[in-house]
PDB file of N, CA and C in Angstrom:
ATOM      1  N   MET A   1      16.078 100.657  -1.875  1.00  0.00           N
ATOM      2  CA  MET A   1      16.313 100.431  -0.468  1.00  0.00           C
ATOM      3  C   MET A   1      15.020 100.663   0.307  1.00  0.00           C
ATOM      4  N   LYS A   2      14.730  99.756   1.247  1.00  0.00           N
ATOM      5  CA  LYS A   2      13.558  99.917   2.109  1.00  0.00           C
ATOM      6  C   LYS A   2      13.919 100.815   3.294  1.00  0.00           C
ATOM      7  N   THR A   3      12.944 101.546   3.746  1.00  0.00           N
ATOM      8  CA  THR A   3      13.149 102.378   4.929  1.00  0.00           C
ATOM      9  C   THR A   3      12.892 101.545   6.181  1.00  0.00           C
ATOM     10  N   ALA A   4      13.362 102.042   7.295  1.00  0.00           N
ATOM     11  CA  ALA A   4      13.092 101.375   8.575  1.00  0.00           C
ATOM     12  C   ALA A   4      11.586 101.334   8.824  1.00  0.00           C
ATOM     13  N   LYS A   5      10.887 102.396   8.467  1.00  0.00           N
ATOM     14  CA  LYS A   5       9.439 102.451   8.646  1.00  0.00           C
ATOM     15  C   LYS A   5       8.752 101.345   7.845  1.00  0.00           C
ATOM     16  N   GLU A   6       9.216 101.096   6.629  1.00  0.00           N
ATOM     17  CA  GLU A   6       8.653 100.024   5.805  1.00  0.00           C
ATOM     18  C   GLU A   6       8.929  98.656   6.416  1.00  0.00           C
ATOM     19  N   LEU A   7      10.135  98.452   6.932  1.00  0.00           N
ATOM     20  CA  LEU A   7      10.477  97.176   7.565  1.00  0.00           C
ATOM     21  C   LEU A   7       9.604  96.917   8.787  1.00  0.00           C
ATOM     22  N   VAL A   8       9.382  97.946   9.583  1.00  0.00           N
ATOM     23  CA  VAL A   8       8.530  97.807  10.768  1.00  0.00           C
ATOM     24  C   VAL A   8       7.088  97.505  10.346  1.00  0.00           C
ATOM     25  N   ALA A   9       6.593  98.179   9.319  1.00  0.00           N
ATOM     26  CA  ALA A   9       5.229  97.922   8.844  1.00  0.00           C
ATOM     27  C   ALA A   9       5.092  96.481   8.354  1.00  0.00           C
ATOM     28  N   GLU A  10       6.083  95.988   7.624  1.00  0.00           N
ATOM     29  CA  GLU A  10       6.055  94.599   7.160  1.00  0.00           C
ATOM     30  C   GLU A  10       6.070  93.632   8.337  1.00  0.00           C
ATOM     31  N   ALA A  11       6.910  93.903   9.320  1.00  0.00           N
ATOM     32  CA  ALA A  11       6.976  93.044  10.507  1.00  0.00           C
ATOM     33  C   ALA A  11       5.631  93.049  11.233  1.00  0.00           C
ATOM     34  N   ASN A  12       5.036  94.219  11.375  1.00  0.00           N
ATOM     35  CA  ASN A  12       3.738  94.320  12.052  1.00  0.00           C
ATOM     36  C   ASN A  12       2.651  93.526  11.336  1.00  0.00           C
ATOM     37  N   SER A  13       2.780  93.361  10.035  1.00  0.00           N
ATOM     38  CA  SER A  13       1.776  92.590   9.293  1.00  0.00           C
ATOM     39  C   SER A  13       1.917  91.089   9.543  1.00  0.00           C
ATOM     40  N   ARG A  14       3.059  90.670  10.086  1.00  0.00           N
ATOM     41  CA  ARG A  14       3.323  89.239  10.292  1.00  0.00           C
ATOM     42  C   ARG A  14       3.288  88.795  11.748  1.00  0.00           C
ATOM     43  N   VAL A  15       3.261  89.740  12.679  1.00  0.00           N
ATOM     44  CA  VAL A  15       3.352  89.374  14.095  1.00  0.00           C
ATOM     45  C   VAL A  15       2.109  89.815  14.857  1.00  0.00           C
ATOM     46  N   GLN A  16       1.914  89.182  15.996  1.00  0.00           N
ATOM     47  CA  GLN A  16       0.800  89.552  16.870  1.00  0.00           C
ATOM     48  C   GLN A  16       1.192  90.774  17.677  1.00  0.00           C
ATOM     49  N   THR A  17       0.306  91.754  17.717  1.00  0.00           N
ATOM     50  CA  THR A  17       0.510  92.947  18.530  1.00  0.00           C
ATOM     51  C   THR A  17      -0.447  92.884  19.707  1.00  0.00           C
ATOM     52  N   VAL A  18       0.088  93.059  20.900  1.00  0.00           N
ATOM     53  CA  VAL A  18      -0.696  93.023  22.133  1.00  0.00           C
ATOM     54  C   VAL A  18      -0.924  94.456  22.595  1.00  0.00           C
ATOM     55  N   THR A  19      -2.138  94.761  22.995  1.00  0.00           N
ATOM     56  CA  THR A  19      -2.437  96.101  23.509  1.00  0.00           C
ATOM     57  C   THR A  19      -1.828  96.264  24.900  1.00  0.00           C
ATOM     58  N   THR A  20      -1.705  97.504  25.295  1.00  0.00           N
ATOM     59  CA  THR A  20      -1.154  97.787  26.624  1.00  0.00           C
ATOM     60  C   THR A  20      -2.022  97.181  27.719  1.00  0.00           C
ATOM     61  N   GLN A  21      -3.330  97.326  27.603  1.00  0.00           N
ATOM     62  CA  GLN A  21      -4.216  96.780  28.636  1.00  0.00           C
ATOM     63  C   GLN A  21      -4.099  95.260  28.715  1.00  0.00           C
ATOM     64  N   ASP A  22      -4.002  94.599  27.567  1.00  0.00           N
ATOM     65  CA  ASP A  22      -3.817  93.150  27.554  1.00  0.00           C
ATOM     66  C   ASP A  22      -2.484  92.781  28.205  1.00  0.00           C
ATOM     67  N   ALA A  23      -1.441  93.541  27.883  1.00  0.00           N
ATOM     68  CA  ALA A  23      -0.119  93.272  28.450  1.00  0.00           C
ATOM     69  C   ALA A  23      -0.121  93.464  29.968  1.00  0.00           C
ATOM     70  N   ILE A  24      -0.760  94.518  30.444  1.00  0.00           N
ATOM     71  CA  ILE A  24      -0.840  94.745  31.890  1.00  0.00           C
ATOM     72  C   ILE A  24      -1.549  93.567  32.552  1.00  0.00           C
ATOM     73  N   GLY A  25      -2.570  93.039  31.897  1.00  0.00           N
ATOM     74  CA  GLY A  25      -3.275  91.876  32.414  1.00  0.00           C
ATOM     75  C   GLY A  25      -2.433  90.616  32.451  1.00  0.00           C
ATOM     76  N   ARG A  26      -1.405  90.568  31.625  1.00  0.00           N
ATOM     77  CA  ARG A  26      -0.517  89.396  31.577  1.00  0.00           C
ATOM     78  C   ARG A  26       0.690  89.517  32.509  1.00  0.00           C
ATOM     79  N   LEU A  27       0.812  90.629  33.190  1.00  0.00           N
ATOM     80  CA  LEU A  27       2.002  90.888  33.993  1.00  0.00           C
ATOM     81  C   LEU A  27       2.305  89.781  34.992  1.00  0.00           C
ATOM     82  N   HIS A  28       1.304  89.234  35.624  1.00  0.00           N
ATOM     83  CA  HIS A  28       1.529  88.193  36.629  1.00  0.00           C
ATOM     84  C   HIS A  28       1.184  86.800  36.106  1.00  0.00           C
ATOM     85  N   ASP A  29       1.050  86.677  34.789  1.00  0.00           N
ATOM     86  CA  ASP A  29       0.781  85.383  34.158  1.00  0.00           C
ATOM     87  C   ASP A  29       2.086  84.587  34.102  1.00  0.00           C
ATOM     88  N   ALA A  30       2.110  83.453  34.774  1.00  0.00           N
ATOM     89  CA  ALA A  30       3.323  82.625  34.818  1.00  0.00           C
ATOM     90  C   ALA A  30       3.693  82.052  33.464  1.00  0.00           C
ATOM     91  N   ASP A  31       2.775  82.131  32.489  1.00  0.00           N
ATOM     92  CA  ASP A  31       3.033  81.588  31.161  1.00  0.00           C
ATOM     93  C   ASP A  31       3.500  82.661  30.176  1.00  0.00           C
ATOM     94  N   THR A  32       3.770  83.869  30.660  1.00  0.00           N
ATOM     95  CA  THR A  32       4.227  84.963  29.802  1.00  0.00           C
ATOM     96  C   THR A  32       5.540  85.507  30.329  1.00  0.00           C
ATOM     97  N   VAL A  33       6.488  85.715  29.424  1.00  0.00           N
ATOM     98  CA  VAL A  33       7.748  86.361  29.782  1.00  0.00           C
ATOM     99  C   VAL A  33       7.883  87.641  28.947  1.00  0.00           C
ATOM    100  N   PHE A  34       8.089  88.755  29.637  1.00  0.00           N
ATOM    101  CA  PHE A  34       8.313  90.038  28.977  1.00  0.00           C
ATOM    102  C   PHE A  34       9.805  90.157  28.672  1.00  0.00           C
ATOM    103  N   VAL A  35      10.123  90.605  27.460  1.00  0.00           N
ATOM    104  CA  VAL A  35      11.516  90.785  27.055  1.00  0.00           C
ATOM    105  C   VAL A  35      11.712  92.230  26.635  1.00  0.00           C
ATOM    106  N   ASP A  36      12.552  92.931  27.377  1.00  0.00           N
ATOM    107  CA  ASP A  36      12.869  94.327  27.121  1.00  0.00           C
ATOM    108  C   ASP A  36      14.054  94.392  26.167  1.00  0.00           C
ATOM    109  N   LEU A  37      13.878  95.020  25.029  1.00  0.00           N
ATOM    110  CA  LEU A  37      14.901  95.096  23.989  1.00  0.00           C
ATOM    111  C   LEU A  37      15.698  96.395  24.011  1.00  0.00           C
ATOM    112  N   ARG A  38      15.363  97.290  24.895  1.00  0.00           N
ATOM    113  CA  ARG A  38      16.000  98.607  24.897  1.00  0.00           C
ATOM    114  C   ARG A  38      17.457  98.521  25.354  1.00  0.00           C
ATOM    115  N   ASP A  39      18.203  99.533  25.029  1.00  0.00           N
ATOM    116  CA  ASP A  39      19.596  99.609  25.459  1.00  0.00           C
ATOM    117  C   ASP A  39      19.669  99.794  26.973  1.00  0.00           C
ATOM    118  N   SER A  40      20.793  99.424  27.534  1.00  0.00           N
ATOM    119  CA  SER A  40      20.989  99.523  28.986  1.00  0.00           C
ATOM    120  C   SER A  40      20.761 100.941  29.498  1.00  0.00           C
ATOM    121  N   ALA A  41      21.188 101.939  28.738  1.00  0.00           N
ATOM    122  CA  ALA A  41      20.999 103.333  29.165  1.00  0.00           C
ATOM    123  C   ALA A  41      19.520 103.675  29.287  1.00  0.00           C
ATOM    124  N   GLU A  42      18.690 103.128  28.402  1.00  0.00           N
ATOM    125  CA  GLU A  42      17.250 103.374  28.473  1.00  0.00           C
ATOM    126  C   GLU A  42      16.655 102.747  29.727  1.00  0.00           C
ATOM    127  N   LEU A  43      17.106 101.539  30.063  1.00  0.00           N
ATOM    128  CA  LEU A  43      16.613 100.870  31.264  1.00  0.00           C
ATOM    129  C   LEU A  43      17.018 101.639  32.514  1.00  0.00           C
ATOM    130  N   GLN A  44      18.266 102.078  32.565  1.00  0.00           N
ATOM    131  CA  GLN A  44      18.741 102.828  33.727  1.00  0.00           C
ATOM    132  C   GLN A  44      17.974 104.124  33.896  1.00  0.00           C
ATOM    133  N   ARG A  45      17.691 104.789  32.803  1.00  0.00           N
ATOM    134  CA  ARG A  45      17.002 106.080  32.849  1.00  0.00           C
ATOM    135  C   ARG A  45      15.511 105.935  33.173  1.00  0.00           C
ATOM    136  N   ASP A  46      14.842 104.948  32.550  1.00  0.00           N
ATOM    137  CA  ASP A  46      13.384 104.883  32.595  1.00  0.00           C
ATOM    138  C   ASP A  46      12.801 103.732  33.397  1.00  0.00           C
ATOM    139  N   GLY A  47      13.623 102.763  33.806  1.00  0.00           N
ATOM    140  CA  GLY A  47      13.102 101.580  34.475  1.00  0.00           C
ATOM    141  C   GLY A  47      12.582 100.584  33.455  1.00  0.00           C
ATOM    142  N   LYS A  48      11.897  99.547  33.951  1.00  0.00           N
ATOM    143  CA  LYS A  48      11.400  98.504  33.059  1.00  0.00           C
ATOM    144  C   LYS A  48      10.119  97.905  33.626  1.00  0.00           C
ATOM    145  N   ILE A  49       9.478  97.080  32.817  1.00  0.00           N
ATOM    146  CA  ILE A  49       8.310  96.351  33.282  1.00  0.00           C
ATOM    147  C   ILE A  49       8.789  95.350  34.330  1.00  0.00           C
ATOM    148  N   PRO A  50       8.131  95.266  35.470  1.00  0.00           N
ATOM    149  CA  PRO A  50       8.587  94.368  36.535  1.00  0.00           C
ATOM    150  C   PRO A  50       8.773  92.925  36.054  1.00  0.00           C
ATOM    151  N   GLY A  51       9.931  92.375  36.371  1.00  0.00           N
ATOM    152  CA  GLY A  51      10.243  90.997  36.038  1.00  0.00           C
ATOM    153  C   GLY A  51      10.704  90.762  34.615  1.00  0.00           C
ATOM    154  N   ALA A  52      10.766  91.807  33.796  1.00  0.00           N
ATOM    155  CA  ALA A  52      11.158  91.634  32.394  1.00  0.00           C
ATOM    156  C   ALA A  52      12.607  91.161  32.277  1.00  0.00           C
ATOM    157  N   VAL A  53      12.835  90.313  31.288  1.00  0.00           N
ATOM    158  CA  VAL A  53      14.179  89.859  30.925  1.00  0.00           C
ATOM    159  C   VAL A  53      14.754  90.910  29.976  1.00  0.00           C
ATOM    160  N   HIS A  54      16.034  91.239  30.151  1.00  0.00           N
ATOM    161  CA  HIS A  54      16.648  92.237  29.273  1.00  0.00           C
ATOM    162  C   HIS A  54      17.552  91.554  28.256  1.00  0.00           C
ATOM    163  N   VAL A  55      17.238  91.742  26.981  1.00  0.00           N
ATOM    164  CA  VAL A  55      18.080  91.285  25.873  1.00  0.00           C
ATOM    165  C   VAL A  55      18.099  92.439  24.878  1.00  0.00           C
ATOM    166  N   THR A  56      19.247  93.054  24.680  1.00  0.00           N
ATOM    167  CA  THR A  56      19.289  94.172  23.741  1.00  0.00           C
ATOM    168  C   THR A  56      18.979  93.684  22.335  1.00  0.00           C
ATOM    169  N   ARG A  57      18.389  94.541  21.546  1.00  0.00           N
ATOM    170  CA  ARG A  57      18.011  94.183  20.173  1.00  0.00           C
ATOM    171  C   ARG A  57      19.227  93.697  19.391  1.00  0.00           C
ATOM    172  N   GLY A  58      20.368  94.265  19.639  1.00  0.00           N
ATOM    173  CA  GLY A  58      21.576  93.874  18.917  1.00  0.00           C
ATOM    174  C   GLY A  58      22.062  92.467  19.215  1.00  0.00           C
ATOM    175  N   MET A  59      21.643  91.898  20.333  1.00  0.00           N
ATOM    176  CA  MET A  59      22.055  90.547  20.700  1.00  0.00           C
ATOM    177  C   MET A  59      20.941  89.522  20.529  1.00  0.00           C
ATOM    178  N   LEU A  60      19.793  89.946  20.014  1.00  0.00           N
ATOM    179  CA  LEU A  60      18.617  89.082  19.996  1.00  0.00           C
ATOM    180  C   LEU A  60      18.851  87.749  19.292  1.00  0.00           C
ATOM    181  N   GLU A  61      19.352  87.767  18.075  1.00  0.00           N
ATOM    182  CA  GLU A  61      19.520  86.520  17.329  1.00  0.00           C
ATOM    183  C   GLU A  61      20.417  85.547  18.085  1.00  0.00           C
ATOM    184  N   PHE A  62      21.419  86.047  18.754  1.00  0.00           N
ATOM    185  CA  PHE A  62      22.348  85.202  19.506  1.00  0.00           C
ATOM    186  C   PHE A  62      21.694  84.652  20.771  1.00  0.00           C
ATOM    187  N   ALA A  63      20.842  85.462  21.398  1.00  0.00           N
ATOM    188  CA  ALA A  63      20.124  85.014  22.599  1.00  0.00           C
ATOM    189  C   ALA A  63      19.031  84.010  22.252  1.00  0.00           C
ATOM    190  N   LEU A  64      18.475  84.097  21.059  1.00  0.00           N
ATOM    191  CA  LEU A  64      17.446  83.160  20.612  1.00  0.00           C
ATOM    192  C   LEU A  64      18.015  81.792  20.256  1.00  0.00           C
ATOM    193  N   ASP A  65      19.230  81.747  19.774  1.00  0.00           N
ATOM    194  CA  ASP A  65      19.843  80.514  19.249  1.00  0.00           C
ATOM    195  C   ASP A  65      20.310  79.602  20.381  1.00  0.00           C
ATOM    196  N   PRO A  66      19.646  78.453  20.563  1.00  0.00           N
ATOM    197  CA  PRO A  66      20.003  77.558  21.671  1.00  0.00           C
ATOM    198  C   PRO A  66      21.357  76.870  21.509  1.00  0.00           C
ATOM    199  N   THR A  67      21.977  76.999  20.346  1.00  0.00           N
ATOM    200  CA  THR A  67      23.290  76.372  20.143  1.00  0.00           C
ATOM    201  C   THR A  67      24.447  77.290  20.547  1.00  0.00           C
ATOM    202  N   LEU A  68      24.126  78.500  20.947  1.00  0.00           N
ATOM    203  CA  LEU A  68      25.172  79.470  21.286  1.00  0.00           C
ATOM    204  C   LEU A  68      25.247  79.719  22.788  1.00  0.00           C
ATOM    205  N   PRO A  69      26.428  80.095  23.280  1.00  0.00           N
ATOM    206  CA  PRO A  69      26.566  80.379  24.713  1.00  0.00           C
ATOM    207  C   PRO A  69      25.792  81.629  25.150  1.00  0.00           C
ATOM    208  N   TYR A  70      25.361  82.452  24.212  1.00  0.00           N
ATOM    209  CA  TYR A  70      24.587  83.659  24.527  1.00  0.00           C
ATOM    210  C   TYR A  70      23.102  83.369  24.706  1.00  0.00           C
ATOM    211  N   HIS A  71      22.694  82.127  24.449  1.00  0.00           N
ATOM    212  CA  HIS A  71      21.271  81.768  24.508  1.00  0.00           C
ATOM    213  C   HIS A  71      20.673  82.128  25.863  1.00  0.00           C
ATOM    214  N   ASN A  72      19.493  82.749  25.812  1.00  0.00           N
ATOM    215  CA  ASN A  72      18.768  83.080  27.029  1.00  0.00           C
ATOM    216  C   ASN A  72      17.670  82.025  27.209  1.00  0.00           C
ATOM    217  N   PRO A  73      17.664  81.315  28.338  1.00  0.00           N
ATOM    218  CA  PRO A  73      16.695  80.250  28.543  1.00  0.00           C
ATOM    219  C   PRO A  73      15.235  80.696  28.503  1.00  0.00           C
ATOM    220  N   ALA A  74      14.971  81.980  28.610  1.00  0.00           N
ATOM    221  CA  ALA A  74      13.589  82.464  28.493  1.00  0.00           C
ATOM    222  C   ALA A  74      12.999  82.086  27.139  1.00  0.00           C
ATOM    223  N   PHE A  75      13.854  81.989  26.126  1.00  0.00           N
ATOM    224  CA  PHE A  75      13.383  81.689  24.779  1.00  0.00           C
ATOM    225  C   PHE A  75      13.144  80.203  24.534  1.00  0.00           C
ATOM    226  N   SER A  76      13.565  79.360  25.431  1.00  0.00           N
ATOM    227  CA  SER A  76      13.300  77.924  25.287  1.00  0.00           C
ATOM    228  C   SER A  76      12.398  77.429  26.411  1.00  0.00           C
ATOM    229  N   SER A  77      11.734  78.355  27.078  1.00  0.00           N
ATOM    230  CA  SER A  77      10.877  78.021  28.222  1.00  0.00           C
ATOM    231  C   SER A  77       9.502  77.498  27.815  1.00  0.00           C
ATOM    232  N   GLY A  78       9.116  77.717  26.562  1.00  0.00           N
ATOM    233  CA  GLY A  78       7.775  77.351  26.119  1.00  0.00           C
ATOM    234  C   GLY A  78       6.731  78.396  26.464  1.00  0.00           C
ATOM    235  N   LYS A  79       7.138  79.449  27.147  1.00  0.00           N
ATOM    236  CA  LYS A  79       6.203  80.509  27.536  1.00  0.00           C
ATOM    237  C   LYS A  79       5.938  81.457  26.365  1.00  0.00           C
ATOM    238  N   GLN A  80       4.836  82.196  26.472  1.00  0.00           N
ATOM    239  CA  GLN A  80       4.544  83.267  25.524  1.00  0.00           C
ATOM    240  C   GLN A  80       5.594  84.357  25.733  1.00  0.00           C
ATOM    241  N   VAL A  81       6.288  84.741  24.679  1.00  0.00           N
ATOM    242  CA  VAL A  81       7.300  85.790  24.752  1.00  0.00           C
ATOM    243  C   VAL A  81       6.671  87.083  24.254  1.00  0.00           C
ATOM    244  N   LEU A  82       6.730  88.098  25.092  1.00  0.00           N
ATOM    245  CA  LEU A  82       6.157  89.394  24.757  1.00  0.00           C
ATOM    246  C   LEU A  82       7.277  90.427  24.733  1.00  0.00           C
ATOM    247  N   PHE A  83       7.703  90.793  23.527  1.00  0.00           N
ATOM    248  CA  PHE A  83       8.774  91.761  23.344  1.00  0.00           C
ATOM    249  C   PHE A  83       8.247  93.179  23.500  1.00  0.00           C
ATOM    250  N   TYR A  84       9.114  94.055  24.017  1.00  0.00           N
ATOM    251  CA  TYR A  84       8.775  95.483  24.001  1.00  0.00           C
ATOM    252  C   TYR A  84      10.049  96.301  23.896  1.00  0.00           C
ATOM    253  N   CYS A  85       9.883  97.510  23.388  1.00  0.00           N
ATOM    254  CA  CYS A  85      10.976  98.476  23.274  1.00  0.00           C
ATOM    255  C   CYS A  85      10.406  99.827  23.694  1.00  0.00           C
ATOM    256  N   ALA A  86      10.973 100.910  23.236  1.00  0.00           N
ATOM    257  CA  ALA A  86      10.490 102.222  23.646  1.00  0.00           C
ATOM    258  C   ALA A  86       9.118 102.556  23.060  1.00  0.00           C
ATOM    259  N   SER A  87       8.943 102.320  21.746  1.00  0.00           N
ATOM    260  CA  SER A  87       7.672 102.714  21.124  1.00  0.00           C
ATOM    261  C   SER A  87       7.054 101.666  20.203  1.00  0.00           C
ATOM    262  N   GLY A  88       7.690 100.529  20.016  1.00  0.00           N
ATOM    263  CA  GLY A  88       7.087  99.436  19.260  1.00  0.00           C
ATOM    264  C   GLY A  88       7.767  99.047  17.966  1.00  0.00           C
ATOM    265  N   GLY A  89       8.728  99.814  17.503  1.00  0.00           N
ATOM    266  CA  GLY A  89       9.414  99.477  16.253  1.00  0.00           C
ATOM    267  C   GLY A  89      10.380  98.316  16.404  1.00  0.00           C
ATOM    268  N   ARG A  90      11.301  98.436  17.348  1.00  0.00           N
ATOM    269  CA  ARG A  90      12.282  97.360  17.565  1.00  0.00           C
ATOM    270  C   ARG A  90      11.598  96.067  17.978  1.00  0.00           C
ATOM    271  N   SER A  91      10.523  96.190  18.762  1.00  0.00           N
ATOM    272  CA  SER A  91       9.853  94.972  19.226  1.00  0.00           C
ATOM    273  C   SER A  91       9.108  94.269  18.093  1.00  0.00           C
ATOM    274  N   ALA A  92       8.561  95.013  17.136  1.00  0.00           N
ATOM    275  CA  ALA A  92       7.931  94.388  15.971  1.00  0.00           C
ATOM    276  C   ALA A  92       8.982  93.627  15.168  1.00  0.00           C
ATOM    277  N   LEU A  93      10.126  94.267  14.943  1.00  0.00           N
ATOM    278  CA  LEU A  93      11.212  93.607  14.211  1.00  0.00           C
ATOM    279  C   LEU A  93      11.715  92.380  14.964  1.00  0.00           C
ATOM    280  N   ALA A  94      11.818  92.489  16.279  1.00  0.00           N
ATOM    281  CA  ALA A  94      12.292  91.367  17.095  1.00  0.00           C
ATOM    282  C   ALA A  94      11.324  90.195  17.061  1.00  0.00           C
ATOM    283  N   ALA A  95      10.032  90.479  17.169  1.00  0.00           N
ATOM    284  CA  ALA A  95       9.034  89.411  17.119  1.00  0.00           C
ATOM    285  C   ALA A  95       9.070  88.715  15.762  1.00  0.00           C
ATOM    286  N   ASP A  96       9.241  89.494  14.719  1.00  0.00           N
ATOM    287  CA  ASP A  96       9.328  88.925  13.369  1.00  0.00           C
ATOM    288  C   ASP A  96      10.564  88.041  13.241  1.00  0.00           C
ATOM    289  N   THR A  97      11.685  88.501  13.755  1.00  0.00           N
ATOM    290  CA  THR A  97      12.921  87.711  13.721  1.00  0.00           C
ATOM    291  C   THR A  97      12.767  86.435  14.536  1.00  0.00           C
ATOM    292  N   ALA A  98      12.182  86.538  15.714  1.00  0.00           N
ATOM    293  CA  ALA A  98      11.994  85.357  16.562  1.00  0.00           C
ATOM    294  C   ALA A  98      11.132  84.316  15.856  1.00  0.00           C
ATOM    295  N   GLN A  99      10.075  84.778  15.188  1.00  0.00           N
ATOM    296  CA  GLN A  99       9.234  83.852  14.430  1.00  0.00           C
ATOM    297  C   GLN A  99      10.021  83.201  13.300  1.00  0.00           C
ATOM    298  N   ALA A 100      10.820  83.996  12.591  1.00  0.00           N
ATOM    299  CA  ALA A 100      11.624  83.461  11.486  1.00  0.00           C
ATOM    300  C   ALA A 100      12.629  82.426  11.980  1.00  0.00           C
ATOM    301  N   MET A 101      13.059  82.561  13.239  1.00  0.00           N
ATOM    302  CA  MET A 101      14.015  81.611  13.818  1.00  0.00           C
ATOM    303  C   MET A 101      13.310  80.418  14.469  1.00  0.00           C
ATOM    304  N   GLY A 102      11.974  80.384  14.412  1.00  0.00           N
ATOM    305  CA  GLY A 102      11.241  79.213  14.870  1.00  0.00           C
ATOM    306  C   GLY A 102      10.473  79.344  16.164  1.00  0.00           C
ATOM    307  N   LEU A 103      10.539  80.484  16.813  1.00  0.00           N
ATOM    308  CA  LEU A 103       9.766  80.686  18.038  1.00  0.00           C
ATOM    309  C   LEU A 103       8.307  80.899  17.635  1.00  0.00           C
ATOM    310  N   THR A 104       7.402  80.155  18.247  1.00  0.00           N
ATOM    311  CA  THR A 104       6.009  80.221  17.817  1.00  0.00           C
ATOM    312  C   THR A 104       5.120  81.057  18.729  1.00  0.00           C
ATOM    313  N   ARG A 105       5.415  81.106  20.006  1.00  0.00           N
ATOM    314  CA  ARG A 105       4.568  81.854  20.956  1.00  0.00           C
ATOM    315  C   ARG A 105       5.195  83.219  21.201  1.00  0.00           C
ATOM    316  N   VAL A 106       4.992  84.112  20.275  1.00  0.00           N
ATOM    317  CA  VAL A 106       5.659  85.405  20.321  1.00  0.00           C
ATOM    318  C   VAL A 106       4.688  86.518  19.924  1.00  0.00           C
ATOM    319  N   ALA A 107       4.853  87.670  20.564  1.00  0.00           N
ATOM    320  CA  ALA A 107       4.063  88.862  20.255  1.00  0.00           C
ATOM    321  C   ALA A 107       4.891  90.074  20.664  1.00  0.00           C
ATOM    322  N   HIS A 108       4.371  91.255  20.357  1.00  0.00           N
ATOM    323  CA  HIS A 108       5.051  92.468  20.821  1.00  0.00           C
ATOM    324  C   HIS A 108       4.024  93.470  21.336  1.00  0.00           C
ATOM    325  N   LEU A 109       4.499  94.344  22.196  1.00  0.00           N
ATOM    326  CA  LEU A 109       3.660  95.347  22.843  1.00  0.00           C
ATOM    327  C   LEU A 109       3.513  96.564  21.935  1.00  0.00           C
ATOM    328  N   GLY A 110       2.318  96.754  21.422  1.00  0.00           N
ATOM    329  CA  GLY A 110       2.050  97.921  20.588  1.00  0.00           C
ATOM    330  C   GLY A 110       2.247  99.207  21.386  1.00  0.00           C
ATOM    331  N   GLY A 111       2.999 100.131  20.823  1.00  0.00           N
ATOM    332  CA  GLY A 111       3.255 101.400  21.507  1.00  0.00           C
ATOM    333  C   GLY A 111       4.410 101.350  22.489  1.00  0.00           C
ATOM    334  N   GLY A 112       4.893 100.142  22.790  1.00  0.00           N
ATOM    335  CA  GLY A 112       6.073  99.961  23.613  1.00  0.00           C
ATOM    336  C   GLY A 112       5.962 100.461  25.045  1.00  0.00           C
ATOM    337  N   PHE A 113       7.126 100.696  25.634  1.00  0.00           N
ATOM    338  CA  PHE A 113       7.212 101.115  27.032  1.00  0.00           C
ATOM    339  C   PHE A 113       6.540 102.472  27.252  1.00  0.00           C
ATOM    340  N   LYS A 114       6.568 103.321  26.229  1.00  0.00           N
ATOM    341  CA  LYS A 114       5.892 104.619  26.344  1.00  0.00           C
ATOM    342  C   LYS A 114       4.396 104.408  26.585  1.00  0.00           C
ATOM    343  N   ALA A 115       3.770 103.529  25.797  1.00  0.00           N
ATOM    344  CA  ALA A 115       2.340 103.261  25.977  1.00  0.00           C
ATOM    345  C   ALA A 115       2.076 102.611  27.334  1.00  0.00           C
ATOM    346  N   TRP A 116       2.996 101.748  27.765  1.00  0.00           N
ATOM    347  CA  TRP A 116       2.879 101.099  29.078  1.00  0.00           C
ATOM    348  C   TRP A 116       2.839 102.155  30.185  1.00  0.00           C
ATOM    349  N   ARG A 117       3.790 103.085  30.132  1.00  0.00           N
ATOM    350  CA  ARG A 117       3.836 104.141  31.156  1.00  0.00           C
ATOM    351  C   ARG A 117       2.622 105.058  31.073  1.00  0.00           C
ATOM    352  N   ASP A 118       2.199 105.387  29.849  1.00  0.00           N
ATOM    353  CA  ASP A 118       1.024 106.252  29.657  1.00  0.00           C
ATOM    354  C   ASP A 118      -0.231 105.597  30.237  1.00  0.00           C
ATOM    355  N   ALA A 119      -0.266 104.249  30.252  1.00  0.00           N
ATOM    356  CA  ALA A 119      -1.417 103.528  30.801  1.00  0.00           C
ATOM    357  C   ALA A 119      -1.245 103.240  32.299  1.00  0.00           C
ATOM    358  N   ASN A 120      -0.222 103.857  32.900  1.00  0.00           N
ATOM    359  CA  ASN A 120       0.084 103.667  34.328  1.00  0.00           C
ATOM    360  C   ASN A 120       0.426 102.234  34.680  1.00  0.00           C
ATOM    361  N   GLY A 121       1.046 101.528  33.709  1.00  0.00           N
ATOM    362  CA  GLY A 121       1.553 100.191  34.010  1.00  0.00           C
ATOM    363  C   GLY A 121       2.681 100.300  35.024  1.00  0.00           C
ATOM    364  N   PRO A 122       2.834  99.303  35.888  1.00  0.00           N
ATOM    365  CA  PRO A 122       3.886  99.379  36.898  1.00  0.00           C
ATOM    366  C   PRO A 122       5.280  99.351  36.274  1.00  0.00           C
ATOM    367  N   VAL A 123       6.197 100.036  36.928  1.00  0.00           N
ATOM    368  CA  VAL A 123       7.584 100.148  36.456  1.00  0.00           C
ATOM    369  C   VAL A 123       8.489  99.880  37.638  1.00  0.00           C
ATOM    370  N   GLU A 124       9.562  99.137  37.383  1.00  0.00           N
ATOM    371  CA  GLU A 124      10.580  98.929  38.427  1.00  0.00           C
ATOM    372  C   GLU A 124      11.899  99.521  37.963  1.00  0.00           C
ATOM    373  N   SER A 125      12.717  99.918  38.912  1.00  0.00           N
ATOM    374  CA  SER A 125      14.037 100.444  38.599  1.00  0.00           C
ATOM    375  C   SER A 125      14.945  99.319  38.117  1.00  0.00           C
ATOM    376  N   SER A 126      15.882  99.687  37.273  1.00  0.00           N
ATOM    377  CA  SER A 126      16.839  98.699  36.770  1.00  0.00           C
ATOM    378  C   SER A 126      18.139  98.782  37.521  1.00  0.00           C
TER     379      SER A 126
END
């Protein structure tokens, strides 16, 4: 059996990781959509990156699939999708899954929302 840590390491070897400073620079880029994968309780408690779309990790595959009613149009926008979670594990797995499902312009935020806050990235209430 593989550990979660091993799965995240494998995903990180296959996906693009964006630094916090690069992500902050993309905040107002009309060609980038931030996707917050954290649970609703995390968003309520900690806020989110301004303008981020919320799709919980548990619903990701369904939100990615354009044939399902759960599809989120952010994933068919043609924009660069930048996933993030609390510390970078879920977002690495999500970026890997999105690539496996055919999304090509995808990356994840290394260090997640924690690194974003540590770098004084802006936060909005949920």
